[in-house]
Amino acid sequence: MKNTKNNYYFYFAIPIDRIDQRIDNFLHIYLSTVPKSAIYRLLRKGIIKVNGYSIKPNYKFKNNDRIYIPQKIYSQHINDKDKIIFHSTYLNTEKIQFLNKRILYEDSYLLIIDKPTGIAVHGGSGLSYGIIEGLRILRNDVSLELVHRLDKDTSGILIIAKKRSALRFLHEQFRINNILKYYLALVKGTWNIKEKSITTYLHKKISGISRLMTNDNRIGKKSETCFQIKEKFRIATLVNIYPITGRTHQIRVHSQYLGHPIALDKLYGDNDFNNLMKKKCGLNRLFLHASELICIHPNTKKTLYIKAPIDNHLNKCLLYLRKNIQ
């Protein structure tokens, strides 16, 4: 991925079987939803490039050429199957092999992974690939579909359907609140209330490139979260969290609303608290982890219980809090 004049570009090595093919003919195939006149215009204006440079429509690919396509065009006009072809030409599969080691459960219907922090669940918005694209490359299977999502900086349990029937079943289970998801979070300050439930109305506010969720009783969507104290420290509290609804950034916004923002939350957090956690505990990531999930299996209809322990980095943070600043 490359940022050129504030526009994100995806770049891909040209497959060997496409060497000597004209770029206009190549784009007619992979951008089939874009009119030919628009493709020529994109090439003439240098919006689509080769090796970072503008080229003419009759340019023929050479060995080791890379084609640069703007993120917006890539996301809207290249289908998932062709994205796999593109990604497999440049993405070193060794770099994503670690995903196979993160699998918590798998059968012919489901693949459940312990998503690491710092990786989006899918590509887009300037990201060349995410968890789902990486797994599709490793498995060579475009039928894998996300059942739900986690924020890029949130770690933990992520469900992926391997069959359309499983996807439909689990989407319905989410709709009727029949899937239980529990999170662990370290929040600012000491809570005095053992359990707390909060309901607000969240609305997405877009300002420039930023997208923040705000509370708005007029146009927001009803959002409900339950918090329960797990462990207290002098300057922080470890809480179990059960979101009844599943709005974007819901847990993070509700934690902030209660005056207890999550540690290392760059959007809704407290800078002083974040800096203290960095300095004292060495924390360098959002302390929010999807730790437990209970659902009905789409085929057997039996209860499926999945648990994902926190990683060593979060665990070391808690050990330090217990030992030094309780």
Protein backbone atom coordinates (compact mmCIF):
# COMPACT_ATOMS: atom_id res chain seq x y z
CA MET A 1 0.00 0.00 0.00
CA LYS A 2 1.27 3.50 -0.77
CA ASN A 3 -0.01 6.96 0.06
CA THR A 4 0.38 9.31 -2.91
CA LYS A 5 -0.87 12.88 -2.54
CA ASN A 6 -3.13 11.80 0.34
CA ASN A 7 -4.77 9.08 -1.81
CA TYR A 8 -4.29 5.48 -0.68
CA TYR A 9 -3.14 3.11 -3.43
CA PHE A 10 -3.04 -0.67 -3.42
CA TYR A 11 -0.20 -2.04 -5.51
CA PHE A 12 0.18 -5.57 -6.84
CA ALA A 13 2.81 -7.49 -8.75
CA ILE A 14 1.57 -8.39 -12.22
CA PRO A 15 1.16 -12.19 -12.62
CA ILE A 16 3.60 -13.81 -15.04
CA ASP A 17 0.79 -14.84 -17.38
CA ARG A 18 -0.13 -11.16 -17.83
CA ILE A 19 3.30 -9.99 -19.03
CA ASP A 20 3.06 -8.35 -22.49
CA GLN A 21 -0.67 -7.73 -22.05
CA ARG A 22 -1.85 -4.16 -22.61
CA ILE A 23 -2.94 -2.41 -19.42
CA ASP A 24 -6.24 -1.23 -20.91
CA ASN A 25 -7.19 -4.81 -21.79
CA PHE A 26 -6.12 -5.98 -18.33
CA LEU A 27 -8.30 -3.35 -16.65
CA HIS A 28 -11.30 -4.14 -18.88
CA ILE A 29 -11.26 -7.61 -17.30
CA TYR A 30 -10.75 -6.72 -13.64
CA LEU A 31 -12.73 -3.47 -13.65
CA SER A 32 -15.63 -4.91 -15.60
CA THR A 33 -18.13 -2.57 -13.88
CA VAL A 34 -16.21 0.51 -15.01
CA PRO A 35 -17.00 1.83 -18.53
CA LYS A 36 -14.13 1.66 -21.04
CA SER A 37 -14.19 5.43 -21.46
CA ALA A 38 -13.69 5.84 -17.70
CA ILE A 39 -10.75 3.39 -17.72
CA TYR A 40 -9.01 5.39 -20.45
CA ARG A 41 -9.65 8.58 -18.48
CA LEU A 42 -8.16 7.03 -15.31
CA LEU A 43 -5.04 6.09 -17.27
CA ARG A 44 -4.71 9.43 -19.09
CA LYS A 45 -4.95 11.36 -15.80
CA GLY A 46 -2.46 9.07 -14.09
CA ILE A 47 -4.97 7.92 -11.47
CA ILE A 48 -4.06 4.28 -12.17
CA LYS A 49 -0.29 3.85 -12.39
CA VAL A 50 2.42 1.28 -13.09
CA ASN A 51 5.48 1.28 -10.82
CA GLY A 52 4.22 4.58 -9.40
CA TYR A 53 4.22 6.37 -12.78
CA SER A 54 1.55 7.40 -15.27
CA ILE A 55 1.43 5.27 -18.40
CA LYS A 56 -0.47 5.19 -21.68
CA PRO A 57 -3.42 2.83 -22.33
CA ASN A 58 -1.35 0.81 -24.82
CA TYR A 59 1.43 0.12 -22.28
CA LYS A 60 2.37 -3.58 -22.15
CA PHE A 61 3.29 -5.13 -18.81
CA LYS A 62 6.90 -6.15 -18.21
CA ASN A 63 8.38 -8.57 -15.70
CA ASN A 64 8.25 -7.32 -12.09
CA ASP A 65 5.79 -4.50 -12.92
CA ARG A 66 3.45 -3.33 -10.18
CA ILE A 67 0.07 -1.79 -10.86
CA TYR A 68 -1.23 0.92 -8.49
CA ILE A 69 -5.00 1.18 -8.02
CA PRO A 70 -6.70 3.78 -5.74
CA GLN A 71 -8.37 2.31 -2.67
CA LYS A 72 -11.84 3.57 -3.63
CA ILE A 73 -11.71 1.94 -7.08
CA TYR A 74 -10.26 -1.25 -5.65
CA SER A 75 -12.96 -1.57 -2.96
CA GLN A 76 -15.94 -0.77 -5.18
CA HIS A 77 -15.10 -2.39 -8.51
CA ILE A 78 -12.96 -5.49 -7.89
CA ASN A 79 -14.88 -8.52 -6.64
CA ASP A 80 -13.72 -10.74 -3.79
CA LYS A 81 -12.53 -13.55 -6.04
CA ASP A 82 -10.28 -11.22 -8.03
CA LYS A 83 -9.02 -9.59 -4.84
CA ILE A 84 -7.68 -13.01 -3.85
CA ILE A 85 -5.80 -13.15 -7.15
CA PHE A 86 -4.36 -9.69 -6.59
CA HIS A 87 -3.38 -10.27 -2.98
CA SER A 88 -1.74 -13.63 -3.68
CA THR A 89 0.64 -11.96 -6.14
CA TYR A 90 2.24 -9.68 -3.59
CA LEU A 91 1.37 -10.84 -0.09
CA ASN A 92 4.00 -13.12 1.39
CA THR A 93 1.91 -15.95 2.83
CA GLU A 94 4.60 -16.61 5.42
CA LYS A 95 3.67 -13.30 7.03
CA ILE A 96 0.08 -14.43 7.60
CA GLN A 97 0.75 -18.05 8.58
CA PHE A 98 0.37 -16.96 12.21
CA LEU A 99 -3.40 -16.79 11.62
CA ASN A 100 -3.49 -20.59 11.53
CA LYS A 101 -2.08 -20.61 15.05
CA ARG A 102 -4.86 -18.31 16.28
CA ILE A 103 -7.70 -20.71 15.51
CA LEU A 104 -9.78 -21.57 18.58
CA TYR A 105 -12.35 -23.81 16.92
CA GLU A 106 -13.03 -25.17 13.44
CA ASP A 107 -15.38 -27.57 11.73
CA SER A 108 -17.09 -27.69 8.33
CA TYR A 109 -19.45 -24.86 9.33
CA LEU A 110 -17.43 -22.47 11.50
CA LEU A 111 -13.96 -21.09 11.91
CA ILE A 112 -13.43 -19.18 15.17
CA ILE A 113 -10.23 -17.21 15.60
CA ASP A 114 -8.54 -15.28 18.39
CA LYS A 115 -8.01 -12.03 16.49
CA PRO A 116 -4.80 -10.20 17.41
CA THR A 117 -4.84 -6.49 18.12
CA GLY A 118 -3.76 -4.07 15.39
CA ILE A 119 -5.24 -5.99 12.45
CA ALA A 120 -8.59 -5.08 10.90
CA VAL A 121 -11.14 -7.80 10.27
CA HIS A 122 -11.27 -6.81 6.59
CA GLY A 123 -9.38 -4.59 4.15
CA GLY A 124 -10.48 -1.13 3.05
CA SER A 125 -10.14 2.44 4.31
CA GLY A 126 -6.45 2.42 3.40
CA LEU A 127 -5.80 -1.16 4.60
CA SER A 128 -4.54 -3.59 1.97
CA TYR A 129 -5.86 -6.69 3.72
CA GLY A 130 -7.49 -7.86 6.94
CA ILE A 131 -8.20 -11.08 8.82
CA ILE A 132 -10.78 -12.34 6.33
CA GLU A 133 -8.60 -11.70 3.26
CA GLY A 134 -5.62 -13.34 4.97
CA LEU A 135 -7.63 -16.47 5.81
CA ARG A 136 -9.05 -16.64 2.29
CA ILE A 137 -5.52 -16.58 0.90
CA LEU A 138 -4.28 -19.25 3.30
CA ARG A 139 -7.31 -21.46 2.66
CA ASN A 140 -7.80 -20.48 -0.99
CA ASP A 141 -11.49 -20.21 -0.12
CA VAL A 142 -13.55 -17.12 -0.99
CA SER A 143 -16.66 -18.57 0.69
CA LEU A 144 -15.37 -17.57 4.15
CA GLU A 145 -17.57 -14.77 5.50
CA LEU A 146 -17.41 -12.62 8.65
CA VAL A 147 -20.32 -13.26 10.99
CA HIS A 148 -19.60 -10.12 13.03
CA ARG A 149 -16.80 -7.57 13.49
CA LEU A 150 -14.28 -6.37 16.03
CA ASP A 151 -12.49 -3.03 16.03
CA LYS A 152 -8.98 -3.10 14.61
CA ASP A 153 -7.42 -2.51 18.04
CA THR A 154 -9.67 -4.98 19.87
CA SER A 155 -8.44 -8.55 20.24
CA GLY A 156 -10.32 -11.75 20.87
CA ILE A 157 -13.01 -14.07 19.57
CA LEU A 158 -14.10 -13.58 15.95
CA ILE A 159 -16.56 -15.93 14.20
CA ILE A 160 -16.23 -16.74 10.50
CA ALA A 161 -18.82 -18.79 8.60
CA LYS A 162 -17.74 -21.44 6.11
CA LYS A 163 -21.22 -21.96 4.70
CA ARG A 164 -23.93 -19.52 3.69
CA SER A 165 -26.44 -21.41 5.83
CA ALA A 166 -24.22 -20.95 8.90
CA LEU A 167 -23.90 -17.23 8.16
CA ARG A 168 -27.66 -16.77 7.92
CA PHE A 169 -28.30 -18.78 11.09
CA LEU A 170 -25.80 -16.85 13.19
CA HIS A 171 -26.93 -13.48 11.84
CA GLU A 172 -30.43 -14.36 13.03
CA GLN A 173 -29.06 -15.42 16.41
CA PHE A 174 -27.35 -12.03 16.74
CA ARG A 175 -30.54 -10.26 15.69
CA ILE A 176 -32.56 -11.87 18.48
CA ASN A 177 -29.73 -11.44 21.04
CA ASN A 178 -29.24 -15.17 21.37
CA ILE A 179 -25.44 -14.98 21.22
CA LEU A 180 -23.57 -13.97 24.36
CA LYS A 181 -20.28 -12.11 23.97
CA TYR A 182 -18.17 -11.09 26.95
CA TYR A 183 -15.25 -8.68 26.94
CA LEU A 184 -12.47 -7.84 29.39
CA ALA A 185 -11.37 -4.24 29.70
CA LEU A 186 -9.08 -2.23 31.94
CA VAL A 187 -10.68 1.15 32.65
CA LYS A 188 -9.62 4.32 34.39
CA GLY A 189 -10.35 4.77 38.10
CA THR A 190 -11.85 2.56 40.78
CA TRP A 191 -15.49 1.54 40.44
CA ASN A 192 -17.57 1.45 43.60
CA ILE A 193 -20.61 -0.20 42.01
CA LYS A 194 -20.30 -3.96 41.54
CA GLU A 195 -22.58 -4.06 38.49
CA LYS A 196 -23.73 -1.33 36.14
CA SER A 197 -26.02 -1.27 33.10
CA ILE A 198 -26.11 1.69 30.74
CA THR A 199 -28.42 2.58 27.87
CA THR A 200 -27.79 5.50 25.49
CA TYR A 201 -28.56 6.33 21.87
CA LEU A 202 -25.44 6.24 19.69
CA HIS A 203 -25.00 8.12 16.43
CA LYS A 204 -22.05 8.07 14.03
CA LYS A 205 -20.56 11.51 13.49
CA ILE A 206 -18.27 11.95 10.50
CA SER A 207 -15.81 14.83 10.52
CA GLY A 208 -13.25 14.75 7.73
CA ILE A 209 -11.66 11.31 7.86
CA SER A 210 -12.67 10.73 11.49
CA ARG A 211 -15.72 8.69 12.42
CA LEU A 212 -16.74 8.95 16.05
CA MET A 213 -19.77 7.62 17.85
CA THR A 214 -21.62 10.17 19.97
CA ASN A 215 -24.66 10.06 22.25
CA ASP A 216 -27.70 11.62 20.61
CA ASN A 217 -31.17 10.90 22.01
CA ARG A 218 -32.84 12.38 18.92
CA ILE A 219 -31.31 10.37 16.07
CA GLY A 220 -29.10 7.77 17.75
CA LYS A 221 -29.73 4.02 17.93
CA LYS A 222 -30.53 2.42 21.26
CA SER A 223 -27.39 0.88 22.75
CA GLU A 224 -27.12 -1.11 25.96
CA THR A 225 -24.08 -2.45 27.81
CA CYS A 226 -23.65 -4.23 31.13
CA PHE A 227 -20.48 -3.89 33.23
CA GLN A 228 -19.34 -6.04 36.14
CA ILE A 229 -16.26 -5.51 38.32
CA LYS A 230 -13.73 -8.31 38.10
CA GLU A 231 -10.73 -6.81 39.92
CA LYS A 232 -9.95 -3.45 41.52
CA PHE A 233 -6.66 -1.53 41.55
CA ARG A 234 -5.80 1.84 43.01
CA ILE A 235 -5.91 3.68 39.70
CA ALA A 236 -7.84 1.28 37.47
CA THR A 237 -10.49 -1.44 37.39
CA LEU A 238 -10.67 -4.66 35.40
CA VAL A 239 -14.24 -5.20 34.24
CA ASN A 240 -16.26 -7.89 32.51
CA ILE A 241 -18.48 -6.38 29.84
CA TYR A 242 -21.58 -7.78 28.18
CA PRO A 243 -22.91 -5.69 25.25
CA ILE A 244 -26.60 -6.39 24.72
CA THR A 245 -26.60 -4.47 21.44
CA GLY A 246 -23.70 -4.34 19.00
CA ARG A 247 -23.16 -0.76 17.85
CA THR A 248 -19.86 0.51 16.49
CA HIS A 249 -17.47 1.44 19.34
CA GLN A 250 -20.32 0.84 21.80
CA ILE A 251 -18.20 -0.48 24.69
CA ARG A 252 -15.60 2.24 24.28
CA VAL A 253 -18.17 5.05 24.16
CA HIS A 254 -20.15 3.72 27.12
CA SER A 255 -16.98 3.35 29.18
CA GLN A 256 -16.12 6.97 28.44
CA TYR A 257 -19.70 8.09 29.19
CA LEU A 258 -19.47 6.51 32.65
CA GLY A 259 -16.24 8.39 33.35
CA HIS A 260 -14.11 5.24 33.10
CA PRO A 261 -12.52 5.22 29.62
CA ILE A 262 -10.60 2.14 28.51
CA ALA A 263 -6.82 2.13 28.83
CA LEU A 264 -4.97 3.16 25.65
CA ASP A 265 -8.15 4.14 23.82
CA LYS A 266 -6.90 6.70 21.30
CA LEU A 267 -10.38 7.88 20.29
CA TYR A 268 -12.36 7.98 23.52
CA GLY A 269 -9.69 7.64 26.19
CA ASP A 270 -8.04 9.89 28.74
CA ASN A 271 -4.56 11.06 27.68
CA ASP A 272 -3.17 11.33 31.21
CA PHE A 273 -4.40 7.85 32.11
CA ASN A 274 -3.08 6.43 28.83
CA ASN A 275 0.35 7.95 29.40
CA LEU A 276 0.43 6.60 32.95
CA MET A 277 -0.39 3.09 31.71
CA LYS A 278 2.35 3.35 29.09
CA LYS A 279 4.93 4.58 31.58
CA LYS A 280 4.08 2.38 34.57
CA CYS A 281 2.81 -0.81 32.97
CA GLY A 282 4.40 -0.70 29.52
CA LEU A 283 0.94 -0.95 27.95
CA ASN A 284 1.06 -0.21 24.23
CA ARG A 285 -2.38 -1.33 22.98
CA LEU A 286 -6.08 -0.91 23.71
CA PHE A 287 -6.96 -3.03 26.73
CA LEU A 288 -10.16 -4.49 25.28
CA HIS A 289 -10.44 -8.22 24.60
CA ALA A 290 -13.36 -10.37 23.46
CA SER A 291 -12.82 -13.16 25.97
CA GLU A 292 -15.88 -15.45 25.89
CA LEU A 293 -18.64 -16.39 23.48
CA ILE A 294 -21.67 -18.65 23.86
CA CYS A 295 -23.77 -19.52 20.82
CA ILE A 296 -25.88 -22.27 19.26
CA HIS A 297 -24.03 -24.28 16.63
CA PRO A 298 -25.72 -23.75 13.23
CA ASN A 299 -25.72 -27.48 12.41
CA THR A 300 -25.80 -29.50 15.64
CA LYS A 301 -27.91 -26.88 17.48
CA LYS A 302 -25.86 -27.62 20.59
CA THR A 303 -24.45 -24.88 22.81
CA LEU A 304 -20.93 -23.88 21.82
CA TYR A 305 -18.73 -22.22 24.43
CA ILE A 306 -15.50 -20.54 23.32
CA LYS A 307 -12.93 -18.82 25.51
CA ALA A 308 -9.87 -16.78 24.54
CA PRO A 309 -7.39 -15.84 27.29
CA ILE A 310 -5.73 -12.43 27.22
CA ASP A 311 -2.29 -12.26 25.62
CA ASN A 312 1.01 -12.02 27.50
CA HIS A 313 1.21 -8.25 27.06
CA LEU A 314 -2.13 -7.59 28.77
CA ASN A 315 -1.37 -10.18 31.42
CA LYS A 316 1.95 -8.50 32.26
CA CYS A 317 0.11 -5.20 32.67
CA LEU A 318 -2.25 -6.78 35.22
CA LEU A 319 0.63 -8.45 37.06
CA TYR A 320 2.35 -5.09 37.39
CA LEU A 321 -0.83 -3.44 38.70
CA ARG A 322 -1.31 -6.18 41.29
CA LYS A 323 2.28 -5.99 42.48
CA ASN A 324 3.11 -2.29 42.37
CA ILE A 325 0.20 0.14 42.40
CA GLN A 326 -2.76 -1.50 44.07
